[in-house]
Each structure stands twice: as C-alpha cells, then as structure tokens.
Amino acid sequence: MSTEATKRSTTGALTVKQRKTDELKPSPALTAEPKKVIIKSADMKDDMQKEAVNIAISAFEKNNVEKDVAEYIKKEFDKKHGPTWHCIVGRNFGSYVTHETNHFVYFYLDQKAVLLFKSG
C-alpha cells in the first residue's frame, strides 16, 4: 500500500491528460446499446480504468438505485484490488477526496457520474 496520497476535487480546476473516449470503450459483449464514456479525471492505469467502466456498466444493468450501483462497484473493486475502495454515483455532486496514488477515476457513463477511489 502506498503512503503517498493525492487530493482531488471533481469540481475544481485540474490539469488532466485528455484521452480519446474510444480508448476506454466498454467491451461489446457487456452491453447491447453503446454507452457514452467520458473520463473527466484519472490517476489510474488505463486497464484498471477500463475495468471500472465495465463494472459500472454491469452495475447499472443490475441496479436502478444509484446507491446500489455504487455499492456493487465498490464491492467488486474491494474483491479484485483489495480494500478500501469508495464509490459515489449520481448526476449532481461535489467532492474533495484523498486517494492512494494510481487509484482514482472520475468518469461519466451516459448521464451518470462515477467517482471511484481507494483510501485507507
């Protein structure tokens, strides 16, 4: 576990390396209809970002309540990448979090925002 931590605000000014949304498109097998994915901010390896997007798609397919979607994503990342992950899902929220280095992603999946990070 890294002792380094970074503070991120999803509403403040932040210099972010822009990626083409095509790079992180979900696997076609996971969804019948294409989802629009926009990575807003990330301190995470590309393969883990893609995994987060794919797990989020599965979560939205299985759940209608945002809290349940966040719970599903958090539990999947806890299982696959060890504790302790935190996840916030919704259309309108602000945040300011401290996360472990290389363990933060904030993205939109269609109209819903997903904030996923590891801390603790």
N, C-alpha and C. Protein backbone atom coordinates (compact mmCIF):
# COMPACT_ATOMS: atom_id res chain seq x y z
N MET A 1 0.85 -1.18 0.00
CA MET A 1 0.00 0.00 0.00
C MET A 1 0.89 1.23 0.00
N SER A 2 0.60 2.16 -0.84
CA SER A 2 1.38 3.37 -0.97
C SER A 2 1.02 4.34 0.15
N THR A 3 2.03 5.00 0.71
CA THR A 3 1.75 6.00 1.72
C THR A 3 1.52 7.36 1.09
N GLU A 4 1.84 7.47 -0.19
CA GLU A 4 1.58 8.72 -0.89
C GLU A 4 0.08 8.87 -1.12
N ALA A 5 -0.39 10.09 -1.02
CA ALA A 5 -1.80 10.33 -1.28
C ALA A 5 -1.92 11.62 -2.07
N THR A 6 -2.98 11.75 -2.80
CA THR A 6 -3.24 12.92 -3.60
C THR A 6 -4.64 13.40 -3.31
N LYS A 7 -4.82 14.71 -3.24
CA LYS A 7 -6.15 15.27 -3.04
C LYS A 7 -6.71 15.66 -4.39
N ARG A 8 -7.97 15.35 -4.62
CA ARG A 8 -8.62 15.66 -5.89
C ARG A 8 -9.96 16.30 -5.61
N SER A 9 -10.29 17.26 -6.42
CA SER A 9 -11.61 17.87 -6.39
C SER A 9 -12.25 17.62 -7.74
N THR A 10 -13.48 17.14 -7.74
CA THR A 10 -14.15 16.90 -9.01
C THR A 10 -14.79 18.17 -9.55
N THR A 11 -14.77 19.23 -8.75
CA THR A 11 -15.36 20.48 -9.22
C THR A 11 -14.31 21.57 -9.44
N GLY A 12 -13.11 21.43 -8.91
CA GLY A 12 -12.10 22.46 -9.03
C GLY A 12 -11.30 22.35 -10.31
N ALA A 13 -10.46 23.35 -10.55
CA ALA A 13 -9.61 23.32 -11.74
C ALA A 13 -8.55 22.25 -11.56
N LEU A 14 -8.33 21.48 -12.58
CA LEU A 14 -7.40 20.37 -12.51
C LEU A 14 -6.83 20.14 -13.90
N THR A 15 -5.53 20.03 -13.99
CA THR A 15 -4.92 19.73 -15.28
C THR A 15 -4.94 18.22 -15.46
N VAL A 16 -5.58 17.79 -16.51
CA VAL A 16 -5.77 16.36 -16.74
C VAL A 16 -5.33 16.03 -18.16
N LYS A 17 -4.61 14.93 -18.31
CA LYS A 17 -4.26 14.44 -19.64
C LYS A 17 -5.54 13.95 -20.30
N GLN A 18 -5.91 14.56 -21.39
CA GLN A 18 -7.14 14.17 -22.09
C GLN A 18 -6.90 12.90 -22.88
N ARG A 19 -7.83 11.97 -22.77
CA ARG A 19 -7.76 10.73 -23.53
C ARG A 19 -8.91 10.70 -24.51
N LYS A 20 -8.70 10.01 -25.58
CA LYS A 20 -9.80 9.78 -26.51
C LYS A 20 -10.77 8.83 -25.84
N THR A 21 -12.06 9.13 -25.93
CA THR A 21 -13.05 8.25 -25.30
C THR A 21 -13.06 6.88 -25.96
N ASP A 22 -12.58 6.77 -27.20
CA ASP A 22 -12.53 5.48 -27.88
C ASP A 22 -11.61 4.49 -27.16
N GLU A 23 -10.57 5.00 -26.49
CA GLU A 23 -9.60 4.13 -25.84
C GLU A 23 -10.24 3.32 -24.72
N LEU A 24 -11.31 3.83 -24.12
CA LEU A 24 -11.89 3.19 -22.96
C LEU A 24 -13.30 2.69 -23.22
N LYS A 25 -13.63 2.42 -24.46
CA LYS A 25 -14.96 1.90 -24.77
C LYS A 25 -15.15 0.54 -24.12
N PRO A 26 -16.34 0.30 -23.56
CA PRO A 26 -16.60 -0.98 -22.93
C PRO A 26 -16.62 -2.11 -23.96
N SER A 27 -16.41 -3.31 -23.47
CA SER A 27 -16.47 -4.48 -24.33
C SER A 27 -17.86 -4.62 -24.92
N PRO A 28 -17.98 -4.90 -26.23
CA PRO A 28 -19.30 -5.04 -26.85
C PRO A 28 -20.12 -6.15 -26.22
N ALA A 29 -19.48 -7.17 -25.70
CA ALA A 29 -20.21 -8.29 -25.11
C ALA A 29 -20.95 -7.88 -23.84
N LEU A 30 -20.52 -6.79 -23.21
CA LEU A 30 -21.13 -6.39 -21.95
C LEU A 30 -22.40 -5.58 -22.12
N THR A 31 -22.64 -5.03 -23.28
CA THR A 31 -23.78 -4.14 -23.43
C THR A 31 -24.36 -4.23 -24.83
N ALA A 32 -25.68 -4.19 -24.89
CA ALA A 32 -26.35 -4.24 -26.19
C ALA A 32 -26.36 -2.87 -26.84
N GLU A 33 -26.50 -1.83 -26.04
CA GLU A 33 -26.52 -0.48 -26.57
C GLU A 33 -25.23 0.24 -26.17
N PRO A 34 -24.64 1.02 -27.07
CA PRO A 34 -23.40 1.70 -26.74
C PRO A 34 -23.61 2.74 -25.64
N LYS A 35 -22.65 2.82 -24.75
CA LYS A 35 -22.68 3.81 -23.68
C LYS A 35 -21.65 4.88 -23.98
N LYS A 36 -22.00 6.11 -23.69
CA LYS A 36 -21.06 7.21 -23.86
C LYS A 36 -20.21 7.30 -22.60
N VAL A 37 -18.90 7.12 -22.75
CA VAL A 37 -17.97 7.14 -21.63
C VAL A 37 -17.06 8.35 -21.78
N ILE A 38 -17.02 9.17 -20.73
CA ILE A 38 -16.11 10.32 -20.72
C ILE A 38 -15.32 10.27 -19.41
N ILE A 39 -14.01 10.10 -19.52
CA ILE A 39 -13.15 10.14 -18.35
C ILE A 39 -12.86 11.61 -18.07
N LYS A 40 -13.32 12.10 -16.91
CA LYS A 40 -13.12 13.50 -16.56
C LYS A 40 -11.78 13.73 -15.88
N SER A 41 -11.37 12.79 -15.03
CA SER A 41 -10.12 12.92 -14.30
C SER A 41 -9.68 11.52 -13.87
N ALA A 42 -8.39 11.26 -13.93
CA ALA A 42 -7.93 9.94 -13.54
C ALA A 42 -6.48 9.96 -13.06
N ASP A 43 -6.23 9.20 -12.03
CA ASP A 43 -4.89 8.84 -11.60
C ASP A 43 -4.96 7.32 -11.42
N MET A 44 -4.99 6.62 -12.55
CA MET A 44 -5.21 5.18 -12.56
C MET A 44 -4.72 4.65 -13.91
N LYS A 45 -4.18 3.44 -13.90
CA LYS A 45 -3.72 2.83 -15.15
C LYS A 45 -4.91 2.59 -16.08
N ASP A 46 -4.64 2.66 -17.38
CA ASP A 46 -5.71 2.54 -18.37
C ASP A 46 -6.50 1.24 -18.27
N ASP A 47 -5.82 0.12 -18.01
CA ASP A 47 -6.55 -1.14 -17.92
C ASP A 47 -7.49 -1.18 -16.72
N MET A 48 -7.09 -0.56 -15.62
CA MET A 48 -7.96 -0.50 -14.44
C MET A 48 -9.12 0.46 -14.69
N GLN A 49 -8.88 1.54 -15.45
CA GLN A 49 -9.97 2.44 -15.81
C GLN A 49 -11.01 1.71 -16.65
N LYS A 50 -10.54 0.94 -17.61
CA LYS A 50 -11.46 0.18 -18.46
C LYS A 50 -12.26 -0.82 -17.63
N GLU A 51 -11.60 -1.45 -16.68
CA GLU A 51 -12.29 -2.38 -15.77
C GLU A 51 -13.36 -1.64 -14.97
N ALA A 52 -13.04 -0.45 -14.48
CA ALA A 52 -14.02 0.34 -13.72
C ALA A 52 -15.24 0.66 -14.57
N VAL A 53 -15.02 1.05 -15.82
CA VAL A 53 -16.13 1.35 -16.73
C VAL A 53 -16.98 0.11 -16.97
N ASN A 54 -16.34 -1.02 -17.22
CA ASN A 54 -17.08 -2.26 -17.48
C ASN A 54 -17.87 -2.72 -16.26
N ILE A 55 -17.29 -2.60 -15.07
CA ILE A 55 -18.01 -2.96 -13.85
C ILE A 55 -19.17 -2.00 -13.63
N ALA A 56 -18.97 -0.72 -13.92
CA ALA A 56 -20.06 0.26 -13.78
C ALA A 56 -21.21 -0.07 -14.73
N ILE A 57 -20.90 -0.47 -15.95
CA ILE A 57 -21.95 -0.85 -16.90
C ILE A 57 -22.75 -2.03 -16.34
N SER A 58 -22.06 -3.03 -15.83
CA SER A 58 -22.75 -4.18 -15.22
C SER A 58 -23.60 -3.75 -14.04
N ALA A 59 -23.07 -2.84 -13.23
CA ALA A 59 -23.81 -2.37 -12.05
C ALA A 59 -25.09 -1.66 -12.45
N PHE A 60 -25.03 -0.82 -13.49
CA PHE A 60 -26.23 -0.11 -13.95
C PHE A 60 -27.24 -1.06 -14.58
N GLU A 61 -26.76 -2.14 -15.20
CA GLU A 61 -27.68 -3.13 -15.78
C GLU A 61 -28.41 -3.92 -14.71
N LYS A 62 -27.77 -4.10 -13.54
CA LYS A 62 -28.35 -4.92 -12.47
C LYS A 62 -29.12 -4.11 -11.44
N ASN A 63 -28.90 -2.80 -11.39
CA ASN A 63 -29.48 -1.97 -10.33
C ASN A 63 -30.08 -0.69 -10.91
N ASN A 64 -31.16 -0.23 -10.28
CA ASN A 64 -31.79 1.03 -10.69
C ASN A 64 -31.48 2.17 -9.72
N VAL A 65 -31.08 1.85 -8.51
CA VAL A 65 -30.83 2.85 -7.48
C VAL A 65 -29.33 3.17 -7.46
N GLU A 66 -29.00 4.46 -7.48
CA GLU A 66 -27.60 4.89 -7.55
C GLU A 66 -26.77 4.33 -6.39
N LYS A 67 -27.35 4.30 -5.18
CA LYS A 67 -26.64 3.76 -4.02
C LYS A 67 -26.26 2.30 -4.26
N ASP A 68 -27.15 1.53 -4.86
CA ASP A 68 -26.88 0.12 -5.14
C ASP A 68 -25.81 -0.04 -6.23
N VAL A 69 -25.81 0.86 -7.19
CA VAL A 69 -24.78 0.85 -8.23
C VAL A 69 -23.42 1.11 -7.59
N ALA A 70 -23.34 2.13 -6.72
CA ALA A 70 -22.09 2.45 -6.04
C ALA A 70 -21.62 1.28 -5.17
N GLU A 71 -22.55 0.65 -4.47
CA GLU A 71 -22.21 -0.49 -3.62
C GLU A 71 -21.62 -1.64 -4.46
N TYR A 72 -22.24 -1.93 -5.58
CA TYR A 72 -21.78 -3.00 -6.47
C TYR A 72 -20.35 -2.73 -6.95
N ILE A 73 -20.10 -1.51 -7.43
CA ILE A 73 -18.77 -1.15 -7.94
C ILE A 73 -17.73 -1.24 -6.83
N LYS A 74 -18.05 -0.69 -5.66
CA LYS A 74 -17.13 -0.70 -4.51
C LYS A 74 -16.78 -2.13 -4.11
N LYS A 75 -17.79 -2.99 -4.00
CA LYS A 75 -17.54 -4.37 -3.57
C LYS A 75 -16.71 -5.14 -4.60
N GLU A 76 -16.96 -4.91 -5.88
CA GLU A 76 -16.17 -5.57 -6.92
C GLU A 76 -14.70 -5.15 -6.85
N PHE A 77 -14.46 -3.85 -6.66
CA PHE A 77 -13.07 -3.38 -6.57
C PHE A 77 -12.40 -3.83 -5.28
N ASP A 78 -13.15 -3.90 -4.17
CA ASP A 78 -12.59 -4.44 -2.93
C ASP A 78 -12.15 -5.89 -3.14
N LYS A 79 -12.97 -6.68 -3.83
CA LYS A 79 -12.64 -8.09 -4.08
C LYS A 79 -11.43 -8.23 -4.99
N LYS A 80 -11.40 -7.46 -6.07
CA LYS A 80 -10.37 -7.63 -7.09
C LYS A 80 -9.06 -6.91 -6.78
N HIS A 81 -9.15 -5.80 -6.03
CA HIS A 81 -7.95 -4.98 -5.82
C HIS A 81 -7.68 -4.68 -4.35
N GLY A 82 -8.35 -5.38 -3.45
CA GLY A 82 -8.14 -5.19 -2.02
C GLY A 82 -8.83 -3.94 -1.50
N PRO A 83 -9.11 -3.94 -0.19
CA PRO A 83 -9.80 -2.80 0.40
C PRO A 83 -8.85 -1.59 0.52
N THR A 84 -9.29 -0.43 0.68
CA THR A 84 -10.66 0.01 0.89
C THR A 84 -11.00 1.00 -0.22
N TRP A 85 -11.97 0.63 -1.06
CA TRP A 85 -12.43 1.46 -2.16
C TRP A 85 -13.69 2.22 -1.73
N HIS A 86 -13.87 3.40 -2.32
CA HIS A 86 -15.05 4.23 -2.08
C HIS A 86 -15.63 4.58 -3.45
N CYS A 87 -16.96 4.62 -3.53
CA CYS A 87 -17.61 4.90 -4.80
C CYS A 87 -18.82 5.81 -4.58
N ILE A 88 -18.93 6.82 -5.41
CA ILE A 88 -20.06 7.75 -5.40
C ILE A 88 -20.63 7.78 -6.81
N VAL A 89 -21.94 7.65 -6.92
CA VAL A 89 -22.61 7.62 -8.22
C VAL A 89 -23.77 8.61 -8.19
N GLY A 90 -23.91 9.41 -9.24
CA GLY A 90 -25.05 10.32 -9.30
C GLY A 90 -24.93 11.31 -10.44
N ARG A 91 -25.92 12.18 -10.50
CA ARG A 91 -25.97 13.20 -11.55
C ARG A 91 -25.41 14.54 -11.08
N ASN A 92 -25.44 14.80 -9.78
CA ASN A 92 -25.06 16.12 -9.29
C ASN A 92 -24.46 16.01 -7.89
N PHE A 93 -23.14 16.09 -7.81
CA PHE A 93 -22.47 16.08 -6.51
C PHE A 93 -21.11 16.74 -6.64
N GLY A 94 -20.63 17.26 -5.55
CA GLY A 94 -19.28 17.79 -5.49
C GLY A 94 -18.47 16.88 -4.57
N SER A 95 -17.16 16.93 -4.71
CA SER A 95 -16.33 16.10 -3.84
C SER A 95 -14.94 16.69 -3.73
N TYR A 96 -14.28 16.30 -2.67
CA TYR A 96 -12.86 16.60 -2.47
C TYR A 96 -12.31 15.45 -1.66
N VAL A 97 -11.49 14.61 -2.26
CA VAL A 97 -11.08 13.38 -1.61
C VAL A 97 -9.57 13.21 -1.62
N THR A 98 -9.08 12.41 -0.70
CA THR A 98 -7.69 11.99 -0.67
C THR A 98 -7.66 10.53 -1.09
N HIS A 99 -6.76 10.19 -2.01
CA HIS A 99 -6.71 8.82 -2.51
C HIS A 99 -5.28 8.32 -2.59
N GLU A 100 -5.15 7.02 -2.63
CA GLU A 100 -3.83 6.42 -2.84
C GLU A 100 -3.39 6.68 -4.28
N THR A 101 -2.11 6.86 -4.47
CA THR A 101 -1.56 7.10 -5.80
C THR A 101 -1.96 5.97 -6.75
N ASN A 102 -2.36 6.35 -7.96
CA ASN A 102 -2.77 5.42 -9.03
C ASN A 102 -4.08 4.69 -8.73
N HIS A 103 -4.92 5.26 -7.88
CA HIS A 103 -6.18 4.60 -7.51
C HIS A 103 -7.34 5.60 -7.47
N PHE A 104 -7.51 6.36 -8.53
CA PHE A 104 -8.59 7.35 -8.60
C PHE A 104 -9.10 7.46 -10.03
N VAL A 105 -10.42 7.43 -10.20
CA VAL A 105 -11.01 7.70 -11.51
C VAL A 105 -12.37 8.37 -11.31
N TYR A 106 -12.63 9.35 -12.16
CA TYR A 106 -13.90 10.07 -12.16
C TYR A 106 -14.36 10.11 -13.61
N PHE A 107 -15.51 9.49 -13.88
CA PHE A 107 -15.97 9.41 -15.26
C PHE A 107 -17.49 9.49 -15.35
N TYR A 108 -17.95 9.80 -16.55
CA TYR A 108 -19.38 9.79 -16.85
C TYR A 108 -19.68 8.58 -17.71
N LEU A 109 -20.79 7.93 -17.38
CA LEU A 109 -21.34 6.84 -18.17
C LEU A 109 -22.73 7.30 -18.56
N ASP A 110 -22.87 7.72 -19.81
CA ASP A 110 -24.07 8.42 -20.26
C ASP A 110 -24.25 9.66 -19.38
N GLN A 111 -25.35 9.75 -18.65
CA GLN A 111 -25.64 10.96 -17.85
C GLN A 111 -25.24 10.82 -16.38
N LYS A 112 -24.71 9.68 -15.98
CA LYS A 112 -24.37 9.45 -14.57
C LYS A 112 -22.87 9.56 -14.35
N ALA A 113 -22.49 10.24 -13.27
CA ALA A 113 -21.09 10.35 -12.90
C ALA A 113 -20.73 9.23 -11.93
N VAL A 114 -19.50 8.74 -12.06
CA VAL A 114 -18.99 7.72 -11.15
C VAL A 114 -17.63 8.20 -10.63
N LEU A 115 -17.51 8.28 -9.33
CA LEU A 115 -16.25 8.63 -8.68
C LEU A 115 -15.81 7.39 -7.90
N LEU A 116 -14.64 6.87 -8.22
CA LEU A 116 -14.14 5.65 -7.58
C LEU A 116 -12.70 5.89 -7.16
N PHE A 117 -12.40 5.62 -5.88
CA PHE A 117 -11.04 5.83 -5.40
C PHE A 117 -10.75 4.92 -4.22
N LYS A 118 -9.47 4.69 -4.01
CA LYS A 118 -9.02 3.85 -2.90
C LYS A 118 -8.37 4.73 -1.85
N SER A 119 -8.76 4.51 -0.59
CA SER A 119 -8.19 5.28 0.51
C SER A 119 -8.34 4.48 1.79
N GLY A 120 -7.27 4.32 2.51
CA GLY A 120 -7.37 3.62 3.79
C GLY A 120 -6.90 2.27 3.75
